[in-house]
Amino acid sequence: MKRLNSMKPQVDTSEPGVVHLDHLRNNLKREQLLEERYFEIDRENKILLQKMSDIMRTSSYTNERSKSGPPSLNRDLRKMELMRITQENQKILSRIQKAQPIYNHVEWEDSYRRSATYLKNKCEYPPMGRDGGKMSSRGLIGASLVGTKPSTAGDDMRATASSARSGGFGSARSDIDAGKPRSAPGGMDDMPSGRRHVLKSGKNIGSRHYLVEMVTDGRALAISAYDGDTQRTLELVVSETNHRRLYRDANGDYDLIAQRLRVEGNDLTIDTGSP
């Protein structure tokens, strides 16, 4: 046990004598690389600052280029190509807007109305709605039109002109709410959320230029004409019957329907072509 306690190690694990040397404690190469990198950054910053000072002292960077000559030799060619692409895009947009739908939703609605009428006539008891309750006359979507007094074409064309600055249809009201069928909404407030824009274009109505917008829910047609000079908006709501007549006469082209618009005093009217 004494020999084991007094035994010396074969490997020297004591601190070496060169541990305190300066070149072992400091990495001079790494410090040199950092100094070179900082110097390069300072040089690039000075060059950038010099360029910014030159730009501020001169009139403008564009004037410097214009003095040296035209920026491009094929400028006219690129301009013509851009005009050609724009015209083709306009033609494609026009074809898309004038494309006729494959499915006729108007015929679907007429068929459903006839079926609802047949159902009401054949049922011994009032027909049930989808929610399990009795189906009202409004839920039959047109079954209550039997025996309803239709409105005249002249009454359908009367609308109120508002002096709102915006081009919306929220304040449009027709004068025929009492005489028109239930399926024709009285204004945009009564339209369902499925309305869509069918036309938005500038048109000359009489001697003035208007921005014409047309919105429909598949039944009624809301028309708004905005005059930019007077900042006045004229609005008109066309009933479902006249809307279908105009759509049929114009072969589905709302641009032709817009050509029938007229301004009489402060009211916006449309020529339905009916006697």
C-alpha atoms as a PDB file:
ATOM      1  CA  MET A   1       0.000   0.000   0.000  1.00  0.00           C
ATOM      2  CA  LYS A   2       2.882   2.326   0.726  1.00  0.00           C
ATOM      3  CA  ARG A   3       4.412   1.562  -2.653  1.00  0.00           C
ATOM      4  CA  LEU A   4       1.088   2.258  -4.410  1.00  0.00           C
ATOM      5  CA  ASN A   5       0.684   5.551  -2.599  1.00  0.00           C
ATOM      6  CA  SER A   6       4.227   6.660  -3.422  1.00  0.00           C
ATOM      7  CA  MET A   7       4.069   5.575  -7.098  1.00  0.00           C
ATOM      8  CA  LYS A   8       4.726   8.370  -9.631  1.00  0.00           C
ATOM      9  CA  PRO A   9       2.781   8.720 -12.951  1.00  0.00           C
ATOM     10  CA  GLN A  10       4.424   7.794 -16.232  1.00  0.00           C
ATOM     11  CA  VAL A  11       2.715  10.745 -18.113  1.00  0.00           C
ATOM     12  CA  ASP A  12       3.559  14.298 -17.154  1.00  0.00           C
ATOM     13  CA  THR A  13       0.226  16.174 -16.701  1.00  0.00           C
ATOM     14  CA  SER A  14       1.650  19.338 -15.239  1.00  0.00           C
ATOM     15  CA  GLU A  15       1.196  22.763 -16.957  1.00  0.00           C
ATOM     16  CA  PRO A  16       3.757  23.237 -19.760  1.00  0.00           C
ATOM     17  CA  GLY A  17       6.173  26.085 -19.471  1.00  0.00           C
ATOM     18  CA  VAL A  18       5.279  27.627 -22.903  1.00  0.00           C
ATOM     19  CA  VAL A  19       1.633  28.188 -22.046  1.00  0.00           C
ATOM     20  CA  HIS A  20       2.284  31.803 -21.177  1.00  0.00           C
ATOM     21  CA  LEU A  21       3.826  32.689 -24.557  1.00  0.00           C
ATOM     22  CA  ASP A  22       2.000  35.533 -26.452  1.00  0.00           C
ATOM     23  CA  HIS A  23       1.705  33.860 -29.875  1.00  0.00           C
ATOM     24  CA  LEU A  24      -0.162  30.930 -28.312  1.00  0.00           C
ATOM     25  CA  ARG A  25      -2.730  33.036 -26.470  1.00  0.00           C
ATOM     26  CA  ASN A  26      -3.587  35.452 -29.362  1.00  0.00           C
ATOM     27  CA  ASN A  27      -4.664  34.449 -32.930  1.00  0.00           C
ATOM     28  CA  LEU A  28      -2.870  37.128 -34.913  1.00  0.00           C
ATOM     29  CA  LYS A  29      -3.973  35.720 -38.287  1.00  0.00           C
ATOM     30  CA  ARG A  30      -7.644  36.022 -37.439  1.00  0.00           C
ATOM     31  CA  GLU A  31      -7.183  39.575 -36.241  1.00  0.00           C
ATOM     32  CA  GLN A  32      -5.399  40.443 -39.485  1.00  0.00           C
ATOM     33  CA  LEU A  33      -8.289  39.022 -41.578  1.00  0.00           C
ATOM     34  CA  LEU A  34     -10.821  41.028 -39.560  1.00  0.00           C
ATOM     35  CA  GLU A  35      -8.846  44.223 -40.048  1.00  0.00           C
ATOM     36  CA  GLU A  36      -8.679  43.625 -43.812  1.00  0.00           C
ATOM     37  CA  ARG A  37     -12.428  43.017 -43.929  1.00  0.00           C
ATOM     38  CA  TYR A  38     -13.175  46.211 -42.023  1.00  0.00           C
ATOM     39  CA  PHE A  39     -10.874  48.130 -44.325  1.00  0.00           C
ATOM     40  CA  GLU A  40     -12.714  46.773 -47.395  1.00  0.00           C
ATOM     41  CA  ILE A  41     -16.073  47.789 -45.924  1.00  0.00           C
ATOM     42  CA  ASP A  42     -14.827  51.304 -45.217  1.00  0.00           C
ATOM     43  CA  ARG A  43     -13.519  51.614 -48.769  1.00  0.00           C
ATOM     44  CA  GLU A  44     -16.868  50.533 -50.286  1.00  0.00           C
ATOM     45  CA  ASN A  45     -18.745  52.961 -48.039  1.00  0.00           C
ATOM     46  CA  LYS A  46     -16.526  55.814 -49.188  1.00  0.00           C
ATOM     47  CA  ILE A  47     -17.119  54.930 -52.835  1.00  0.00           C
ATOM     48  CA  LEU A  48     -20.898  54.809 -52.276  1.00  0.00           C
ATOM     49  CA  LEU A  49     -20.836  58.123 -50.433  1.00  0.00           C
ATOM     50  CA  GLN A  50     -18.863  59.697 -53.262  1.00  0.00           C
ATOM     51  CA  LYS A  51     -21.396  58.481 -55.845  1.00  0.00           C
ATOM     52  CA  MET A  52     -24.316  59.857 -53.818  1.00  0.00           C
ATOM     53  CA  SER A  53     -22.547  63.209 -53.510  1.00  0.00           C
ATOM     54  CA  ASP A  54     -21.998  63.342 -57.285  1.00  0.00           C
ATOM     55  CA  ILE A  55     -25.693  62.604 -57.949  1.00  0.00           C
ATOM     56  CA  MET A  56     -26.810  65.336 -55.555  1.00  0.00           C
ATOM     57  CA  ARG A  57     -24.465  67.896 -57.104  1.00  0.00           C
ATOM     58  CA  THR A  58     -25.650  67.206 -60.681  1.00  0.00           C
ATOM     59  CA  SER A  59     -29.128  68.134 -61.984  1.00  0.00           C
ATOM     60  CA  SER A  60     -30.535  64.596 -62.243  1.00  0.00           C
ATOM     61  CA  TYR A  61     -29.478  61.135 -63.212  1.00  0.00           C
ATOM     62  CA  THR A  62     -31.983  61.039 -66.076  1.00  0.00           C
ATOM     63  CA  ASN A  63     -30.572  64.220 -67.576  1.00  0.00           C
ATOM     64  CA  GLU A  64     -27.132  62.654 -67.605  1.00  0.00           C
ATOM     65  CA  ARG A  65     -28.466  59.754 -69.674  1.00  0.00           C
ATOM     66  CA  SER A  66     -30.487  61.985 -72.002  1.00  0.00           C
ATOM     67  CA  LYS A  67     -27.388  64.030 -72.884  1.00  0.00           C
ATOM     68  CA  SER A  68     -25.506  60.950 -73.964  1.00  0.00           C
ATOM     69  CA  GLY A  69     -28.247  59.855 -76.453  1.00  0.00           C
ATOM     70  CA  PRO A  70     -31.452  57.803 -76.611  1.00  0.00           C
ATOM     71  CA  PRO A  71     -31.746  55.065 -73.984  1.00  0.00           C
ATOM     72  CA  SER A  72     -32.808  52.458 -76.514  1.00  0.00           C
ATOM     73  CA  LEU A  73     -32.640  52.015 -80.274  1.00  0.00           C
ATOM     74  CA  ASN A  74     -35.791  49.852 -80.467  1.00  0.00           C
ATOM     75  CA  ARG A  75     -38.039  52.106 -78.410  1.00  0.00           C
ATOM     76  CA  ASP A  76     -40.599  52.555 -81.189  1.00  0.00           C
ATOM     77  CA  LEU A  77     -40.703  48.822 -81.817  1.00  0.00           C
ATOM     78  CA  ARG A  78     -41.334  48.037 -78.167  1.00  0.00           C
ATOM     79  CA  LYS A  79     -44.038  50.729 -78.039  1.00  0.00           C
ATOM     80  CA  MET A  80     -45.798  49.247 -81.069  1.00  0.00           C
ATOM     81  CA  GLU A  81     -45.572  45.770 -79.548  1.00  0.00           C
ATOM     82  CA  LEU A  82     -47.092  47.037 -76.302  1.00  0.00           C
ATOM     83  CA  MET A  83     -49.955  48.673 -78.217  1.00  0.00           C
ATOM     84  CA  ARG A  84     -50.587  45.452 -80.118  1.00  0.00           C
ATOM     85  CA  ILE A  85     -50.712  43.420 -76.908  1.00  0.00           C
ATOM     86  CA  THR A  86     -53.085  45.959 -75.330  1.00  0.00           C
ATOM     87  CA  GLN A  87     -55.442  45.803 -78.310  1.00  0.00           C
ATOM     88  CA  GLU A  88     -55.457  42.006 -78.263  1.00  0.00           C
ATOM     89  CA  ASN A  89     -56.214  42.021 -74.532  1.00  0.00           C
ATOM     90  CA  GLN A  90     -59.128  44.398 -75.129  1.00  0.00           C
ATOM     91  CA  LYS A  91     -60.496  42.128 -77.864  1.00  0.00           C
ATOM     92  CA  ILE A  92     -60.216  39.096 -75.582  1.00  0.00           C
ATOM     93  CA  LEU A  93     -62.004  40.984 -72.798  1.00  0.00           C
ATOM     94  CA  SER A  94     -64.770  42.026 -75.211  1.00  0.00           C
ATOM     95  CA  ARG A  95     -65.246  38.442 -76.392  1.00  0.00           C
ATOM     96  CA  ILE A  96     -65.418  37.200 -72.806  1.00  0.00           C
ATOM     97  CA  GLN A  97     -68.006  39.830 -71.863  1.00  0.00           C
ATOM     98  CA  LYS A  98     -70.152  39.075 -74.919  1.00  0.00           C
ATOM     99  CA  ALA A  99     -69.905  35.292 -74.597  1.00  0.00           C
ATOM    100  CA  GLN A 100     -73.309  33.667 -74.196  1.00  0.00           C
ATOM    101  CA  PRO A 101     -73.789  31.257 -71.292  1.00  0.00           C
ATOM    102  CA  ILE A 102     -74.276  27.581 -72.008  1.00  0.00           C
ATOM    103  CA  TYR A 103     -77.005  27.206 -69.384  1.00  0.00           C
ATOM    104  CA  ASN A 104     -80.029  29.490 -69.470  1.00  0.00           C
ATOM    105  CA  HIS A 105     -80.942  30.312 -65.877  1.00  0.00           C
ATOM    106  CA  VAL A 106     -84.037  32.223 -67.019  1.00  0.00           C
ATOM    107  CA  GLU A 107     -85.518  29.034 -68.482  1.00  0.00           C
ATOM    108  CA  TRP A 108     -84.646  27.201 -65.265  1.00  0.00           C
ATOM    109  CA  GLU A 109     -86.527  29.801 -63.216  1.00  0.00           C
ATOM    110  CA  ASP A 110     -89.541  29.661 -65.552  1.00  0.00           C
ATOM    111  CA  SER A 111     -89.605  25.887 -65.331  1.00  0.00           C
ATOM    112  CA  TYR A 112     -89.411  26.024 -61.545  1.00  0.00           C
ATOM    113  CA  ARG A 113     -92.221  28.541 -61.402  1.00  0.00           C
ATOM    114  CA  ARG A 114     -94.439  26.361 -63.574  1.00  0.00           C
ATOM    115  CA  SER A 115     -93.619  23.324 -61.458  1.00  0.00           C
ATOM    116  CA  ALA A 116     -94.373  25.276 -58.278  1.00  0.00           C
ATOM    117  CA  THR A 117     -97.710  26.384 -59.751  1.00  0.00           C
ATOM    118  CA  TYR A 118     -98.574  22.795 -60.695  1.00  0.00           C
ATOM    119  CA  LEU A 119     -97.592  21.656 -57.215  1.00  0.00           C
ATOM    120  CA  LYS A 120     -99.801  24.261 -55.574  1.00  0.00           C
ATOM    121  CA  ASN A 121    -102.772  23.353 -57.793  1.00  0.00           C
ATOM    122  CA  LYS A 122    -102.397  19.593 -57.307  1.00  0.00           C
ATOM    123  CA  CYS A 123    -101.764  19.536 -53.552  1.00  0.00           C
ATOM    124  CA  GLU A 124    -104.730  18.870 -51.310  1.00  0.00           C
ATOM    125  CA  TYR A 125    -102.985  20.657 -48.462  1.00  0.00           C
ATOM    126  CA  PRO A 126    -100.573  23.624 -48.604  1.00  0.00           C
ATOM    127  CA  PRO A 127     -97.154  22.422 -49.828  1.00  0.00           C
ATOM    128  CA  MET A 128     -94.373  22.153 -47.273  1.00  0.00           C
ATOM    129  CA  GLY A 129     -91.190  24.205 -47.533  1.00  0.00           C
ATOM    130  CA  ARG A 130     -87.646  22.954 -47.081  1.00  0.00           C
ATOM    131  CA  ASP A 131     -87.654  23.903 -43.405  1.00  0.00           C
ATOM    132  CA  GLY A 132     -90.743  21.763 -42.736  1.00  0.00           C
ATOM    133  CA  GLY A 133     -93.144  24.714 -42.508  1.00  0.00           C
ATOM    134  CA  LYS A 134     -95.873  25.761 -44.890  1.00  0.00           C
ATOM    135  CA  MET A 135     -94.573  27.222 -48.105  1.00  0.00           C
ATOM    136  CA  SER A 136     -95.715  30.805 -48.536  1.00  0.00           C
ATOM    137  CA  SER A 137     -96.711  32.386 -51.817  1.00  0.00           C
ATOM    138  CA  ARG A 138     -93.328  34.147 -51.900  1.00  0.00           C
ATOM    139  CA  GLY A 139     -91.551  30.822 -51.462  1.00  0.00           C
ATOM    140  CA  LEU A 140     -93.194  29.504 -54.617  1.00  0.00           C
ATOM    141  CA  ILE A 141     -91.133  32.031 -56.595  1.00  0.00           C
ATOM    142  CA  GLY A 142     -93.705  33.178 -59.066  1.00  0.00           C
ATOM    143  CA  ALA A 143     -96.748  31.088 -58.135  1.00  0.00           C
ATOM    144  CA  SER A 144     -98.382  34.230 -56.760  1.00  0.00           C
ATOM    145  CA  LEU A 145     -97.949  36.018 -60.092  1.00  0.00           C
ATOM    146  CA  VAL A 146    -101.171  34.446 -61.360  1.00  0.00           C
ATOM    147  CA  GLY A 147    -103.793  37.189 -61.387  1.00  0.00           C
ATOM    148  CA  THR A 148    -101.335  39.955 -60.491  1.00  0.00           C
ATOM    149  CA  LYS A 149    -101.905  43.203 -62.312  1.00  0.00           C
ATOM    150  CA  PRO A 150     -98.809  43.950 -64.453  1.00  0.00           C
ATOM    151  CA  SER A 151     -97.258  47.369 -64.551  1.00  0.00           C
ATOM    152  CA  THR A 152     -97.001  49.491 -67.641  1.00  0.00           C
ATOM    153  CA  ALA A 153     -93.762  50.029 -69.497  1.00  0.00           C
ATOM    154  CA  GLY A 154     -93.866  53.768 -68.851  1.00  0.00           C
ATOM    155  CA  ASP A 155     -94.144  53.283 -65.094  1.00  0.00           C
ATOM    156  CA  ASP A 156     -91.252  50.835 -65.093  1.00  0.00           C
ATOM    157  CA  MET A 157     -88.954  53.398 -66.642  1.00  0.00           C
ATOM    158  CA  ARG A 158     -89.449  56.127 -64.008  1.00  0.00           C
ATOM    159  CA  ALA A 159     -86.703  56.405 -61.392  1.00  0.00           C
ATOM    160  CA  THR A 160     -85.378  59.002 -58.994  1.00  0.00           C
ATOM    161  CA  ALA A 161     -82.115  60.857 -59.682  1.00  0.00           C
ATOM    162  CA  SER A 162     -79.832  61.442 -56.711  1.00  0.00           C
ATOM    163  CA  SER A 163     -76.935  63.882 -56.368  1.00  0.00           C
ATOM    164  CA  ALA A 164     -74.665  61.447 -54.521  1.00  0.00           C
ATOM    165  CA  ARG A 165     -71.015  61.605 -55.339  1.00  0.00           C
ATOM    166  CA  SER A 166     -70.505  57.859 -55.314  1.00  0.00           C
ATOM    167  CA  GLY A 167     -71.538  55.571 -58.168  1.00  0.00           C
ATOM    168  CA  GLY A 168     -73.494  53.017 -56.098  1.00  0.00           C
ATOM    169  CA  PHE A 169     -77.157  52.055 -56.470  1.00  0.00           C
ATOM    170  CA  GLY A 170     -78.069  52.028 -52.757  1.00  0.00           C
ATOM    171  CA  SER A 171     -80.488  54.990 -52.977  1.00  0.00           C
ATOM    172  CA  ALA A 172     -82.320  53.898 -56.149  1.00  0.00           C
ATOM    173  CA  ARG A 173     -86.082  53.553 -55.747  1.00  0.00           C
ATOM    174  CA  SER A 174     -88.682  52.898 -58.417  1.00  0.00           C
ATOM    175  CA  ASP A 175     -92.159  54.445 -58.553  1.00  0.00           C
ATOM    176  CA  ILE A 176     -93.860  51.127 -59.326  1.00  0.00           C
ATOM    177  CA  ASP A 177     -93.420  49.163 -56.092  1.00  0.00           C
ATOM    178  CA  ALA A 178     -97.184  48.731 -55.719  1.00  0.00           C
ATOM    179  CA  GLY A 179     -97.905  47.499 -59.240  1.00  0.00           C
ATOM    180  CA  LYS A 180     -94.964  45.270 -60.170  1.00  0.00           C
ATOM    181  CA  PRO A 181     -94.628  41.507 -59.533  1.00  0.00           C
ATOM    182  CA  ARG A 182     -93.001  40.328 -56.327  1.00  0.00           C
ATOM    183  CA  SER A 183     -90.122  38.728 -58.173  1.00  0.00           C
ATOM    184  CA  ALA A 184     -88.887  42.150 -59.377  1.00  0.00           C
ATOM    185  CA  PRO A 185     -86.991  43.900 -56.550  1.00  0.00           C
ATOM    186  CA  GLY A 186     -87.701  47.573 -55.939  1.00  0.00           C
ATOM    187  CA  GLY A 187     -84.036  48.545 -55.645  1.00  0.00           C
ATOM    188  CA  MET A 188     -80.537  47.347 -54.902  1.00  0.00           C
ATOM    189  CA  ASP A 189     -81.346  47.094 -51.187  1.00  0.00           C
ATOM    190  CA  ASP A 190     -83.889  44.362 -51.998  1.00  0.00           C
ATOM    191  CA  MET A 191     -81.569  42.421 -54.282  1.00  0.00           C
ATOM    192  CA  PRO A 192     -79.998  39.189 -53.040  1.00  0.00           C
ATOM    193  CA  SER A 193     -76.289  38.949 -52.397  1.00  0.00           C
ATOM    194  CA  GLY A 194     -75.748  37.102 -55.721  1.00  0.00           C
ATOM    195  CA  ARG A 195     -75.832  40.246 -57.873  1.00  0.00           C
ATOM    196  CA  ARG A 196     -73.131  40.774 -60.481  1.00  0.00           C
ATOM    197  CA  HIS A 197     -71.858  43.564 -62.690  1.00  0.00           C
ATOM    198  CA  VAL A 198     -72.653  43.102 -66.370  1.00  0.00           C
ATOM    199  CA  LEU A 199     -71.369  46.435 -67.703  1.00  0.00           C
ATOM    200  CA  LYS A 200     -69.063  49.221 -66.561  1.00  0.00           C
ATOM    201  CA  SER A 201     -68.081  51.607 -69.337  1.00  0.00           C
ATOM    202  CA  GLY A 202     -68.124  55.243 -70.356  1.00  0.00           C
ATOM    203  CA  LYS A 203     -71.056  56.228 -72.595  1.00  0.00           C
ATOM    204  CA  ASN A 204     -72.303  59.404 -74.241  1.00  0.00           C
ATOM    205  CA  ILE A 205     -75.926  59.999 -73.267  1.00  0.00           C
ATOM    206  CA  GLY A 206     -77.190  62.997 -75.151  1.00  0.00           C
ATOM    207  CA  SER A 207     -74.518  65.680 -75.101  1.00  0.00           C
ATOM    208  CA  ARG A 208     -72.780  64.565 -71.879  1.00  0.00           C
ATOM    209  CA  HIS A 209     -70.429  61.731 -71.019  1.00  0.00           C
ATOM    210  CA  TYR A 210     -71.416  59.352 -68.209  1.00  0.00           C
ATOM    211  CA  LEU A 211     -69.830  56.392 -66.461  1.00  0.00           C
ATOM    212  CA  VAL A 212     -72.516  53.715 -66.822  1.00  0.00           C
ATOM    213  CA  GLU A 213     -72.694  50.693 -64.509  1.00  0.00           C
ATOM    214  CA  MET A 214     -75.214  47.862 -64.747  1.00  0.00           C
ATOM    215  CA  VAL A 215     -75.856  45.345 -61.969  1.00  0.00           C
ATOM    216  CA  THR A 216     -78.325  42.460 -62.059  1.00  0.00           C
ATOM    217  CA  ASP A 217     -79.387  39.637 -59.801  1.00  0.00           C
ATOM    218  CA  GLY A 218     -80.726  37.594 -62.711  1.00  0.00           C
ATOM    219  CA  ARG A 219     -84.108  39.356 -62.563  1.00  0.00           C
ATOM    220  CA  ALA A 220     -84.134  43.125 -62.125  1.00  0.00           C
ATOM    221  CA  LEU A 221     -81.511  45.389 -63.690  1.00  0.00           C
ATOM    222  CA  ALA A 222     -80.058  48.367 -61.778  1.00  0.00           C
ATOM    223  CA  ILE A 223     -78.451  51.100 -63.895  1.00  0.00           C
ATOM    224  CA  SER A 224     -76.297  53.953 -62.601  1.00  0.00           C
ATOM    225  CA  ALA A 225     -74.942  56.844 -64.715  1.00  0.00           C
ATOM    226  CA  TYR A 226     -72.302  59.087 -63.082  1.00  0.00           C
ATOM    227  CA  ASP A 227     -71.527  62.543 -64.486  1.00  0.00           C
ATOM    228  CA  GLY A 228     -67.980  63.494 -63.559  1.00  0.00           C
ATOM    229  CA  ASP A 229     -68.414  67.177 -64.445  1.00  0.00           C
ATOM    230  CA  THR A 230     -71.381  67.794 -62.155  1.00  0.00           C
ATOM    231  CA  GLN A 231     -70.525  64.897 -59.797  1.00  0.00           C
ATOM    232  CA  ARG A 232     -74.123  63.675 -59.997  1.00  0.00           C
ATOM    233  CA  THR A 233     -75.412  60.108 -60.178  1.00  0.00           C
ATOM    234  CA  LEU A 234     -78.607  59.147 -62.001  1.00  0.00           C
ATOM    235  CA  GLU A 235     -80.089  55.775 -61.133  1.00  0.00           C
ATOM    236  CA  LEU A 236     -82.721  53.535 -62.667  1.00  0.00           C
ATOM    237  CA  VAL A 237     -84.162  50.127 -61.738  1.00  0.00           C
ATOM    238  CA  VAL A 238     -85.633  48.103 -64.620  1.00  0.00           C
ATOM    239  CA  SER A 239     -88.198  45.466 -63.721  1.00  0.00           C
ATOM    240  CA  GLU A 240     -87.741  41.819 -64.599  1.00  0.00           C
ATOM    241  CA  THR A 241     -90.234  41.927 -67.488  1.00  0.00           C
ATOM    242  CA  ASN A 242     -88.557  44.873 -69.223  1.00  0.00           C
ATOM    243  CA  HIS A 243     -85.130  43.478 -68.403  1.00  0.00           C
ATOM    244  CA  ARG A 244     -85.952  40.272 -70.264  1.00  0.00           C
ATOM    245  CA  ARG A 245     -87.387  42.208 -73.205  1.00  0.00           C
ATOM    246  CA  LEU A 246     -84.259  44.373 -73.472  1.00  0.00           C
ATOM    247  CA  TYR A 247     -81.986  41.335 -73.072  1.00  0.00           C
ATOM    248  CA  ARG A 248     -83.833  39.505 -75.842  1.00  0.00           C
ATOM    249  CA  ASP A 249     -83.829  42.486 -78.235  1.00  0.00           C
ATOM    250  CA  ALA A 250     -80.106  43.159 -77.678  1.00  0.00           C
ATOM    251  CA  ASN A 251     -79.215  39.454 -77.986  1.00  0.00           C
ATOM    252  CA  GLY A 252     -77.581  39.514 -74.568  1.00  0.00           C
ATOM    253  CA  ASP A 253     -75.324  42.525 -75.322  1.00  0.00           C
ATOM    254  CA  TYR A 254     -75.622  45.021 -72.462  1.00  0.00           C
ATOM    255  CA  ASP A 255     -73.579  47.521 -74.447  1.00  0.00           C
ATOM    256  CA  LEU A 256     -76.497  47.796 -76.882  1.00  0.00           C
ATOM    257  CA  ILE A 257     -78.868  48.153 -73.947  1.00  0.00           C
ATOM    258  CA  ALA A 258     -76.778  51.083 -72.674  1.00  0.00           C
ATOM    259  CA  GLN A 259     -77.227  52.831 -76.035  1.00  0.00           C
ATOM    260  CA  ARG A 260     -80.963  53.087 -75.292  1.00  0.00           C
ATOM    261  CA  LEU A 261     -80.449  55.219 -72.186  1.00  0.00           C
ATOM    262  CA  ARG A 262     -81.888  58.720 -72.190  1.00  0.00           C
ATOM    263  CA  VAL A 263     -81.729  61.643 -69.721  1.00  0.00           C
ATOM    264  CA  GLU A 264     -84.972  63.571 -69.378  1.00  0.00           C
ATOM    265  CA  GLY A 265     -84.540  66.455 -66.959  1.00  0.00           C
ATOM    266  CA  ASN A 266     -83.154  64.903 -63.765  1.00  0.00           C
ATOM    267  CA  ASP A 267     -84.417  61.383 -64.522  1.00  0.00           C
ATOM    268  CA  LEU A 268     -82.654  58.491 -66.245  1.00  0.00           C
ATOM    269  CA  THR A 269     -84.918  56.543 -68.637  1.00  0.00           C
ATOM    270  CA  ILE A 270     -84.474  53.766 -71.154  1.00  0.00           C
ATOM    271  CA  ASP A 271     -86.267  53.005 -74.410  1.00  0.00           C
ATOM    272  CA  THR A 272     -87.778  49.522 -74.117  1.00  0.00           C
ATOM    273  CA  GLY A 273     -89.170  49.556 -77.654  1.00  0.00           C
ATOM    274  CA  SER A 274     -92.602  48.414 -76.408  1.00  0.00           C
ATOM    275  CA  PRO A 275     -95.732  50.100 -77.765  1.00  0.00           C
END
